[in-house]
Amino acid sequence: MTAYQNGDEDALERIYTLLKQPIYSFIFRCTRDEQLSIDIVQDTFVKLQRYKHHYNPKHGKLKSYLFQTAYRLMITKLNRRKKWRSLLPFLAPLQQSEELPHSDRMTIREAVARLPDIQRAVVLLFYYHDMPQEEIAQILGIPIGTVKSRLHAAIKKLKKELEGGYNESGSL
């Protein structure tokens, strides 16, 4: 890792080759979700790449650091899914066996597309790209409080618009 921190880009590839499978296996055993596990492995290494100077070998092994990073990312994504399902159950990412009919997916996409640009951007970055609010604020160049208020307003609008067609069985 020290070589990578000192500018050896090939070192990251060696680290990735060595640790991607064990991290994937760990996350997959926790979630039983193949795509989520793949995403978390990728996000773990993107985070390592972005914050390579945050790793300090005095605090533990690189493998432990990456497993901890992957675990935290997994918890964050799973908590977002729970929150997403509680706010708008029909918009939550579905398991492969729970695929929404094409017409329902189109209805949801259209509702998101009708949001004002400033709200749509926040919804897409937060829910579809799993970005933390702090990162969204940085990307959009707005205060975090503005991100929170736009997200709240967008969810309220989506709920109002989509609940009209949402019935007790959980489908549109």
C-alpha atoms as a PDB file:
ATOM      1  CA  MET A   1       0.000   0.000   0.000  1.00  0.00           C
ATOM      2  CA  THR A   2       2.877   2.339   0.725  1.00  0.00           C
ATOM      3  CA  ALA A   3       3.998   1.974  -2.897  1.00  0.00           C
ATOM      4  CA  TYR A   4       0.528   3.003  -4.069  1.00  0.00           C
ATOM      5  CA  GLN A   5       0.418   5.947  -1.677  1.00  0.00           C
ATOM      6  CA  ASN A   6       3.754   7.029  -3.153  1.00  0.00           C
ATOM      7  CA  GLY A   7       2.395   7.038  -6.722  1.00  0.00           C
ATOM      8  CA  ASP A   8       2.803   3.432  -7.961  1.00  0.00           C
ATOM      9  CA  GLU A   9      -0.513   2.964  -9.815  1.00  0.00           C
ATOM     10  CA  ASP A  10       0.258  -0.716 -10.515  1.00  0.00           C
ATOM     11  CA  ALA A  11       0.205  -1.347  -6.770  1.00  0.00           C
ATOM     12  CA  LEU A  12      -3.540  -0.635  -6.688  1.00  0.00           C
ATOM     13  CA  GLU A  13      -4.121  -3.228  -9.382  1.00  0.00           C
ATOM     14  CA  ARG A  14      -2.151  -5.797  -7.359  1.00  0.00           C
ATOM     15  CA  ILE A  15      -4.160  -4.954  -4.231  1.00  0.00           C
ATOM     16  CA  TYR A  16      -7.416  -5.227  -6.186  1.00  0.00           C
ATOM     17  CA  THR A  17      -6.452  -8.581  -7.692  1.00  0.00           C
ATOM     18  CA  LEU A  18      -5.499  -9.948  -4.293  1.00  0.00           C
ATOM     19  CA  LEU A  19      -8.488  -8.703  -2.260  1.00  0.00           C
ATOM     20  CA  LYS A  20     -11.499  -8.285  -4.557  1.00  0.00           C
ATOM     21  CA  GLN A  21     -12.654 -11.916  -4.249  1.00  0.00           C
ATOM     22  CA  PRO A  22     -12.402 -12.177  -0.442  1.00  0.00           C
ATOM     23  CA  ILE A  23     -14.251  -8.873  -0.020  1.00  0.00           C
ATOM     24  CA  TYR A  24     -16.913  -9.924  -2.535  1.00  0.00           C
ATOM     25  CA  SER A  25     -17.381 -13.273  -0.743  1.00  0.00           C
ATOM     26  CA  PHE A  26     -17.748 -11.548   2.619  1.00  0.00           C
ATOM     27  CA  ILE A  27     -20.324  -9.046   1.369  1.00  0.00           C
ATOM     28  CA  PHE A  28     -22.221 -11.662  -0.644  1.00  0.00           C
ATOM     29  CA  ARG A  29     -22.478 -13.923   2.403  1.00  0.00           C
ATOM     30  CA  CYS A  30     -23.933 -11.009   4.339  1.00  0.00           C
ATOM     31  CA  THR A  31     -26.398  -9.794   1.706  1.00  0.00           C
ATOM     32  CA  ARG A  32     -27.061 -12.697  -0.682  1.00  0.00           C
ATOM     33  CA  ASP A  33     -27.312 -10.017  -3.360  1.00  0.00           C
ATOM     34  CA  GLU A  34     -24.834 -10.482  -6.208  1.00  0.00           C
ATOM     35  CA  GLN A  35     -25.194  -7.037  -7.797  1.00  0.00           C
ATOM     36  CA  LEU A  36     -25.032  -5.231  -4.463  1.00  0.00           C
ATOM     37  CA  SER A  37     -21.898  -7.207  -3.572  1.00  0.00           C
ATOM     38  CA  ILE A  38     -20.222  -6.315  -6.870  1.00  0.00           C
ATOM     39  CA  ASP A  39     -21.152  -2.638  -6.399  1.00  0.00           C
ATOM     40  CA  ILE A  40     -19.771  -2.573  -2.875  1.00  0.00           C
ATOM     41  CA  VAL A  41     -16.458  -4.123  -3.964  1.00  0.00           C
ATOM     42  CA  GLN A  42     -16.148  -1.476  -6.682  1.00  0.00           C
ATOM     43  CA  ASP A  43     -17.120   1.314  -4.286  1.00  0.00           C
ATOM     44  CA  THR A  44     -14.586   0.046  -1.733  1.00  0.00           C
ATOM     45  CA  PHE A  45     -11.738   0.313  -4.208  1.00  0.00           C
ATOM     46  CA  VAL A  46     -12.944   3.661  -5.549  1.00  0.00           C
ATOM     47  CA  LYS A  47     -12.929   4.922  -1.976  1.00  0.00           C
ATOM     48  CA  LEU A  48      -9.413   3.532  -1.463  1.00  0.00           C
ATOM     49  CA  GLN A  49      -8.313   5.297  -4.618  1.00  0.00           C
ATOM     50  CA  ARG A  50      -9.872   8.629  -3.579  1.00  0.00           C
ATOM     51  CA  TYR A  51      -8.674   8.504   0.005  1.00  0.00           C
ATOM     52  CA  LYS A  52      -5.446   6.539  -0.303  1.00  0.00           C
ATOM     53  CA  HIS A  53      -3.643   8.846   2.096  1.00  0.00           C
ATOM     54  CA  HIS A  54      -6.194   8.191   4.867  1.00  0.00           C
ATOM     55  CA  TYR A  55      -4.921   4.633   5.308  1.00  0.00           C
ATOM     56  CA  ASN A  56      -2.287   4.370   8.017  1.00  0.00           C
ATOM     57  CA  PRO A  57      -0.504   0.992   8.366  1.00  0.00           C
ATOM     58  CA  LYS A  58       0.098   1.752  12.051  1.00  0.00           C
ATOM     59  CA  HIS A  59      -3.645   1.333  12.657  1.00  0.00           C
ATOM     60  CA  GLY A  60      -3.944  -2.130  11.123  1.00  0.00           C
ATOM     61  CA  LYS A  61      -3.566  -4.238   8.021  1.00  0.00           C
ATOM     62  CA  LEU A  62      -4.799  -3.049   4.636  1.00  0.00           C
ATOM     63  CA  LYS A  63      -7.030  -6.113   4.340  1.00  0.00           C
ATOM     64  CA  SER A  64      -8.799  -5.201   7.600  1.00  0.00           C
ATOM     65  CA  TYR A  65      -9.122  -1.588   6.484  1.00  0.00           C
ATOM     66  CA  LEU A  66     -10.743  -2.622   3.182  1.00  0.00           C
ATOM     67  CA  PHE A  67     -13.091  -5.125   4.837  1.00  0.00           C
ATOM     68  CA  GLN A  68     -14.140  -2.431   7.296  1.00  0.00           C
ATOM     69  CA  THR A  69     -14.705   0.034   4.442  1.00  0.00           C
ATOM     70  CA  ALA A  70     -16.770  -2.539   2.511  1.00  0.00           C
ATOM     71  CA  TYR A  71     -18.803  -3.398   5.596  1.00  0.00           C
ATOM     72  CA  ARG A  72     -19.597   0.258   6.283  1.00  0.00           C
ATOM     73  CA  LEU A  73     -20.604   0.809   2.656  1.00  0.00           C
ATOM     74  CA  MET A  74     -22.854  -2.265   2.847  1.00  0.00           C
ATOM     75  CA  ILE A  75     -24.565  -1.022   6.018  1.00  0.00           C
ATOM     76  CA  THR A  76     -25.087   2.413   4.471  1.00  0.00           C
ATOM     77  CA  LYS A  77     -26.611   0.958   1.301  1.00  0.00           C
ATOM     78  CA  LEU A  78     -28.851  -1.451   3.211  1.00  0.00           C
ATOM     79  CA  ASN A  79     -30.052   1.344   5.505  1.00  0.00           C
ATOM     80  CA  ARG A  80     -30.825   3.506   2.459  1.00  0.00           C
ATOM     81  CA  ARG A  81     -32.848   0.669   0.976  1.00  0.00           C
ATOM     82  CA  LYS A  82     -34.866   0.357   4.192  1.00  0.00           C
ATOM     83  CA  LYS A  83     -35.468   4.103   4.269  1.00  0.00           C
ATOM     84  CA  TRP A  84     -36.327   4.077   0.559  1.00  0.00           C
ATOM     85  CA  ARG A  85     -38.836   1.257   1.063  1.00  0.00           C
ATOM     86  CA  SER A  86     -40.454   2.987   4.026  1.00  0.00           C
ATOM     87  CA  LEU A  87     -40.842   6.289   2.149  1.00  0.00           C
ATOM     88  CA  LEU A  88     -41.893   4.902  -1.205  1.00  0.00           C
ATOM     89  CA  PRO A  89     -42.160   1.109  -1.020  1.00  0.00           C
ATOM     90  CA  PHE A  90     -42.841   0.736  -4.731  1.00  0.00           C
ATOM     91  CA  LEU A  91     -39.654   2.625  -5.687  1.00  0.00           C
ATOM     92  CA  ALA A  92     -37.208   0.586  -3.619  1.00  0.00           C
ATOM     93  CA  PRO A  93     -34.607  -1.512  -5.413  1.00  0.00           C
ATOM     94  CA  LEU A  94     -36.162  -4.938  -5.807  1.00  0.00           C
ATOM     95  CA  GLN A  95     -34.678  -8.384  -5.466  1.00  0.00           C
ATOM     96  CA  GLN A  96     -34.250 -10.138  -8.798  1.00  0.00           C
ATOM     97  CA  SER A  97     -37.347 -12.259  -8.164  1.00  0.00           C
ATOM     98  CA  GLU A  98     -39.513  -9.195  -7.404  1.00  0.00           C
ATOM     99  CA  GLU A  99     -39.215  -7.422 -10.757  1.00  0.00           C
ATOM    100  CA  LEU A 100     -41.750  -4.622 -11.254  1.00  0.00           C
ATOM    101  CA  PRO A 101     -43.790  -4.801 -14.446  1.00  0.00           C
ATOM    102  CA  HIS A 102     -42.484  -2.560 -17.220  1.00  0.00           C
ATOM    103  CA  SER A 103     -45.531  -0.277 -17.049  1.00  0.00           C
ATOM    104  CA  ASP A 104     -44.966   0.359 -13.317  1.00  0.00           C
ATOM    105  CA  ARG A 105     -41.279   1.144 -13.885  1.00  0.00           C
ATOM    106  CA  MET A 106     -42.279   3.598 -16.624  1.00  0.00           C
ATOM    107  CA  THR A 107     -44.821   5.271 -14.324  1.00  0.00           C
ATOM    108  CA  ILE A 108     -42.137   5.739 -11.666  1.00  0.00           C
ATOM    109  CA  ARG A 109     -39.582   7.042 -14.172  1.00  0.00           C
ATOM    110  CA  GLU A 110     -42.131   9.493 -15.535  1.00  0.00           C
ATOM    111  CA  ALA A 111     -42.989  10.741 -12.039  1.00  0.00           C
ATOM    112  CA  VAL A 112     -39.297  11.281 -11.243  1.00  0.00           C
ATOM    113  CA  ALA A 113     -38.836  12.991 -14.619  1.00  0.00           C
ATOM    114  CA  ARG A 114     -41.678  15.428 -13.802  1.00  0.00           C
ATOM    115  CA  LEU A 115     -39.922  16.635 -10.656  1.00  0.00           C
ATOM    116  CA  PRO A 116     -38.334  20.082 -10.898  1.00  0.00           C
ATOM    117  CA  ASP A 117     -34.707  19.816 -12.078  1.00  0.00           C
ATOM    118  CA  ILE A 118     -33.262  20.772  -8.704  1.00  0.00           C
ATOM    119  CA  GLN A 119     -35.258  18.071  -6.889  1.00  0.00           C
ATOM    120  CA  ARG A 120     -34.770  15.417  -9.569  1.00  0.00           C
ATOM    121  CA  ALA A 121     -30.983  15.782  -9.391  1.00  0.00           C
ATOM    122  CA  VAL A 122     -30.994  15.210  -5.629  1.00  0.00           C
ATOM    123  CA  VAL A 123     -33.311  12.173  -5.890  1.00  0.00           C
ATOM    124  CA  LEU A 124     -31.255  10.583  -8.655  1.00  0.00           C
ATOM    125  CA  LEU A 125     -27.941  11.098  -6.884  1.00  0.00           C
ATOM    126  CA  PHE A 126     -29.234   9.954  -3.491  1.00  0.00           C
ATOM    127  CA  TYR A 127     -31.412   6.980  -4.372  1.00  0.00           C
ATOM    128  CA  TYR A 128     -30.204   5.788  -7.739  1.00  0.00           C
ATOM    129  CA  HIS A 129     -26.483   6.462  -7.262  1.00  0.00           C
ATOM    130  CA  ASP A 130     -26.313   5.850  -3.485  1.00  0.00           C
ATOM    131  CA  MET A 131     -24.435   9.075  -2.770  1.00  0.00           C
ATOM    132  CA  PRO A 132     -24.304  10.546   0.716  1.00  0.00           C
ATOM    133  CA  GLN A 133     -25.937  13.939   1.187  1.00  0.00           C
ATOM    134  CA  GLU A 134     -22.559  15.583   1.834  1.00  0.00           C
ATOM    135  CA  GLU A 135     -21.276  14.425  -1.552  1.00  0.00           C
ATOM    136  CA  ILE A 136     -24.463  15.578  -3.291  1.00  0.00           C
ATOM    137  CA  ALA A 137     -24.050  19.002  -1.706  1.00  0.00           C
ATOM    138  CA  GLN A 138     -20.494  19.155  -3.012  1.00  0.00           C
ATOM    139  CA  ILE A 139     -21.452  18.007  -6.523  1.00  0.00           C
ATOM    140  CA  LEU A 140     -24.362  20.447  -6.815  1.00  0.00           C
ATOM    141  CA  GLY A 141     -22.554  23.272  -5.020  1.00  0.00           C
ATOM    142  CA  ILE A 142     -25.304  23.758  -2.441  1.00  0.00           C
ATOM    143  CA  PRO A 143     -25.449  23.541   1.362  1.00  0.00           C
ATOM    144  CA  ILE A 144     -26.308  20.160   2.889  1.00  0.00           C
ATOM    145  CA  GLY A 145     -29.477  21.663   4.394  1.00  0.00           C
ATOM    146  CA  THR A 146     -30.646  22.492   0.879  1.00  0.00           C
ATOM    147  CA  VAL A 147     -29.993  18.903  -0.209  1.00  0.00           C
ATOM    148  CA  LYS A 148     -32.108  17.659   2.707  1.00  0.00           C
ATOM    149  CA  SER A 149     -34.975  20.047   2.021  1.00  0.00           C
ATOM    150  CA  ARG A 150     -35.018  19.282  -1.719  1.00  0.00           C
ATOM    151  CA  LEU A 151     -34.974  15.553  -1.014  1.00  0.00           C
ATOM    152  CA  HIS A 152     -37.835  15.905   1.469  1.00  0.00           C
ATOM    153  CA  ALA A 153     -39.895  17.999  -0.942  1.00  0.00           C
ATOM    154  CA  ALA A 154     -39.253  15.589  -3.826  1.00  0.00           C
ATOM    155  CA  ILE A 155     -40.273  12.543  -1.779  1.00  0.00           C
ATOM    156  CA  LYS A 156     -43.432  14.338  -0.696  1.00  0.00           C
ATOM    157  CA  LYS A 157     -44.317  15.130  -4.330  1.00  0.00           C
ATOM    158  CA  LEU A 158     -43.554  11.599  -5.522  1.00  0.00           C
ATOM    159  CA  LYS A 159     -45.562  10.053  -2.725  1.00  0.00           C
ATOM    160  CA  LYS A 160     -48.552  12.274  -3.475  1.00  0.00           C
ATOM    161  CA  GLU A 161     -48.415  11.610  -7.197  1.00  0.00           C
ATOM    162  CA  LEU A 162     -47.739   7.872  -7.052  1.00  0.00           C
ATOM    163  CA  GLU A 163     -49.887   6.880  -4.088  1.00  0.00           C
ATOM    164  CA  GLY A 164     -52.977   7.630  -6.120  1.00  0.00           C
ATOM    165  CA  GLY A 165     -52.263   4.466  -8.088  1.00  0.00           C
ATOM    166  CA  TYR A 166     -50.743   2.508  -5.212  1.00  0.00           C
ATOM    167  CA  ASN A 167     -53.012  -0.078  -3.638  1.00  0.00           C
ATOM    168  CA  GLU A 168     -52.922  -2.285  -0.537  1.00  0.00           C
ATOM    169  CA  SER A 169     -51.269  -5.205  -2.326  1.00  0.00           C
ATOM    170  CA  GLY A 170     -48.170  -3.094  -2.872  1.00  0.00           C
ATOM    171  CA  SER A 171     -48.470  -2.622  -6.606  1.00  0.00           C
ATOM    172  CA  LEU A 172     -49.315   0.331  -8.746  1.00  0.00           C
END
